[in-house]
Amino acid sequence: MAATPEDTLIIETSRGPVTVQLRPDLAPNHVARIKELARQGFYDGVVFHRVIDGFMAQTGDPTGTGRGGSGQKLRAEFSKEPHTRGAVSMARAQSPDSADSQFFIDFDAASFLNGKYTIWGQVIDGMGAVDKIAPGEPPSNPDKIVKMTIAADADDASKAAAANVLKAQQ
């Protein structure tokens, strides 16, 4: 599935840009909610509060504690898509229908998560930046999302960069 500007997320992190291909084919409601929150600026300035070396980097809690969210729970949209390096998936509590705004990016394959967490995207550029995110639970000096934008809404420089990434993916 080829990404379009409307289904491409640009995450400017304190470690560099990360481009994510959104997967509405796997999780249409999660993608819609992520886009809505990104367009509201919800994720701007939010830290990576839980980063486990070799596993994943988690963010999306405006309180930075791992206990906060947007206040809107989402029903699970599990799929057969595997948790591989660069998969972007929703964090949740015990209940499968408890995902809110927190998400994580897999550093490596995590097959034990397959079918249990909603994958809504895939990093298509910028995993080097993800790999540099400071580890810890929480990190002593956490990295953050500086700005999160849908490529279709980005400024001209960001649109050009996203277009180059999308072109390289084809």
Protein backbone atom coordinates (compact mmCIF):
# COMPACT_ATOMS: atom_id res chain seq x y z
CA MET A 1 0.00 0.00 0.00
CA ALA A 2 1.52 3.32 -1.08
CA ALA A 3 1.38 6.19 1.38
CA THR A 4 -0.29 9.45 0.39
CA PRO A 5 0.35 12.85 2.03
CA GLU A 6 -2.98 12.46 3.88
CA ASP A 7 -1.81 9.10 5.27
CA THR A 8 1.73 10.15 6.12
CA LEU A 9 2.66 11.39 9.57
CA ILE A 10 5.74 13.52 10.19
CA ILE A 11 6.99 13.28 13.78
CA GLU A 12 9.65 15.89 14.49
CA THR A 13 11.47 14.47 17.52
CA SER A 14 14.28 16.00 19.56
CA ARG A 15 16.46 13.36 17.83
CA GLY A 16 15.34 14.14 14.27
CA PRO A 17 12.41 13.59 11.91
CA VAL A 18 10.50 10.31 11.71
CA THR A 19 8.09 9.62 8.84
CA VAL A 20 5.25 7.16 9.45
CA GLN A 21 3.00 5.61 6.83
CA LEU A 22 -0.46 5.50 8.40
CA ARG A 23 -2.40 2.26 7.92
CA PRO A 24 -6.14 3.00 7.73
CA ASP A 25 -6.50 -0.40 6.04
CA LEU A 26 -5.53 -2.01 9.38
CA ALA A 27 -6.97 0.41 11.94
CA PRO A 28 -9.25 3.08 10.42
CA ASN A 29 -10.57 4.40 13.74
CA HIS A 30 -7.12 4.62 15.33
CA VAL A 31 -5.67 6.39 12.28
CA ALA A 32 -8.57 8.86 12.29
CA ARG A 33 -8.02 9.60 16.00
CA ILE A 34 -4.24 9.98 15.64
CA LYS A 35 -4.80 12.40 12.75
CA GLU A 36 -7.38 14.34 14.76
CA LEU A 37 -5.03 14.64 17.76
CA ALA A 38 -2.05 15.57 15.55
CA ARG A 39 -4.07 18.30 13.87
CA GLN A 40 -5.05 19.66 17.32
CA GLY A 41 -1.36 19.84 18.33
CA PHE A 42 -2.03 17.33 21.12
CA TYR A 43 1.32 15.55 20.71
CA ASP A 44 3.50 18.66 20.34
CA GLY A 45 5.99 18.80 23.23
CA VAL A 46 5.03 15.37 24.62
CA VAL A 47 7.94 13.28 25.95
CA PHE A 48 8.90 9.67 25.32
CA HIS A 49 8.16 8.51 28.88
CA ARG A 50 8.94 4.79 28.54
CA VAL A 51 11.83 3.65 26.37
CA ILE A 52 13.10 0.08 26.66
CA ASP A 53 16.30 -0.73 24.74
CA GLY A 54 15.74 -3.38 22.08
CA PHE A 55 11.96 -3.23 22.55
CA MET A 56 10.13 0.08 22.05
CA ALA A 57 9.81 3.84 22.65
CA GLN A 58 6.45 4.96 24.09
CA THR A 59 4.91 8.44 24.03
CA GLY A 60 1.52 10.14 23.77
CA ASP A 61 0.84 11.01 27.42
CA PRO A 62 0.68 14.80 27.92
CA THR A 63 1.44 14.35 31.65
CA GLY A 64 4.65 12.41 30.87
CA THR A 65 3.82 9.84 33.54
CA GLY A 66 2.35 7.03 31.44
CA ARG A 67 -1.02 7.50 33.13
CA GLY A 68 -2.52 10.28 31.01
CA GLY A 69 -4.23 10.51 27.67
CA SER A 70 -6.78 12.40 25.63
CA GLY A 71 -9.75 11.01 27.55
CA GLN A 72 -11.22 9.07 24.62
CA LYS A 73 -10.88 5.28 24.65
CA LEU A 74 -10.74 3.37 21.37
CA ARG A 75 -12.06 -0.09 20.58
CA ALA A 76 -9.31 -2.52 19.62
CA GLU A 77 -8.58 -2.98 15.92
CA PHE A 78 -6.26 -5.98 16.10
CA SER A 79 -4.92 -7.40 12.84
CA LYS A 80 -2.57 -10.05 11.55
CA GLU A 81 0.07 -7.37 10.85
CA PRO A 82 3.22 -8.36 12.79
CA HIS A 83 5.07 -6.16 15.24
CA THR A 84 8.31 -5.67 13.33
CA ARG A 85 11.04 -3.03 13.55
CA GLY A 86 9.37 0.34 12.96
CA ALA A 87 5.80 -0.80 13.63
CA VAL A 88 3.74 1.92 15.33
CA SER A 89 1.13 0.57 17.71
CA MET A 90 -1.22 1.75 20.43
CA ALA A 91 -0.35 1.31 24.09
CA ARG A 92 -3.20 0.16 26.30
CA ALA A 93 -4.07 -1.05 29.77
CA GLN A 94 -5.35 -4.56 30.58
CA SER A 95 -8.58 -4.12 28.62
CA PRO A 96 -8.17 -4.52 24.84
CA ASP A 97 -10.48 -1.50 24.39
CA SER A 98 -8.46 0.88 26.60
CA ALA A 99 -6.15 2.51 24.03
CA ASP A 100 -6.31 6.31 24.11
CA SER A 101 -3.51 8.55 22.82
CA GLN A 102 -0.37 6.69 23.90
CA PHE A 103 1.56 4.79 21.26
CA PHE A 104 4.89 3.11 20.80
CA ILE A 105 7.41 2.43 18.04
CA ASP A 106 9.07 -0.99 17.97
CA PHE A 107 12.89 -1.02 17.90
CA ASP A 108 12.84 -4.70 16.91
CA ALA A 109 10.36 -7.47 16.15
CA ALA A 110 8.06 -8.14 19.11
CA SER A 111 6.01 -11.15 18.03
CA PHE A 112 4.57 -11.59 21.54
CA LEU A 113 2.51 -8.43 20.86
CA ASN A 114 1.04 -9.74 17.58
CA GLY A 115 -2.76 -9.73 17.57
CA LYS A 116 -2.87 -8.09 21.03
CA TYR A 117 -2.11 -4.44 20.22
CA THR A 118 -3.45 -2.24 17.42
CA ILE A 119 -0.85 -1.43 14.76
CA TRP A 120 -1.77 1.78 12.95
CA GLY A 121 1.46 2.74 11.19
CA GLN A 122 4.95 1.87 10.00
CA VAL A 123 8.09 4.02 10.13
CA ILE A 124 9.24 4.48 6.53
CA ASP A 125 12.05 6.94 7.27
CA GLY A 126 13.87 8.07 10.40
CA MET A 127 14.42 4.87 12.41
CA GLY A 128 17.93 6.21 13.12
CA ALA A 129 16.29 9.03 15.09
CA VAL A 130 14.06 6.54 16.93
CA ASP A 131 17.11 4.43 17.82
CA LYS A 132 18.69 7.48 19.53
CA ILE A 133 15.72 8.18 21.86
CA ALA A 134 16.98 8.20 25.46
CA PRO A 135 16.17 4.95 27.32
CA GLY A 136 14.51 4.71 30.73
CA GLU A 137 11.20 4.26 32.53
CA PRO A 138 11.11 7.27 32.65
CA PRO A 139 14.34 8.51 31.05
CA SER A 140 16.30 10.94 33.23
CA ASN A 141 16.44 13.42 30.34
CA PRO A 142 13.57 12.37 28.05
CA ASP A 143 13.41 13.09 24.36
CA LYS A 144 10.17 14.50 23.01
CA ILE A 145 7.92 15.02 20.05
CA VAL A 146 8.63 18.60 19.02
CA LYS A 147 5.79 18.63 16.49
CA MET A 148 3.58 16.00 14.88
CA THR A 149 2.01 16.83 11.51
CA ILE A 150 0.05 15.13 8.75
CA ALA A 151 2.17 15.58 5.59
CA ALA A 152 -0.83 17.05 3.72
CA ASP A 153 -0.93 19.85 6.33
CA ALA A 154 2.83 20.45 6.60
CA ASP A 155 4.72 23.59 5.64
CA ASP A 156 6.42 23.62 2.23
CA ALA A 157 9.83 22.38 3.47
CA SER A 158 8.26 19.48 5.39
CA LYS A 159 5.99 18.66 2.42
CA ALA A 160 9.02 18.51 0.12
CA ALA A 161 10.89 16.23 2.53
CA ALA A 162 7.85 13.97 2.91
CA ALA A 163 7.36 13.86 -0.88
CA ASN A 164 10.97 12.71 -1.28
CA VAL A 165 10.44 9.95 1.29
CA LEU A 166 7.21 8.83 -0.39
CA LYS A 167 8.88 8.87 -3.82
CA ALA A 168 11.75 6.72 -2.50
CA GLN A 169 9.22 4.19 -1.12
CA GLN A 170 7.62 3.59 -4.53
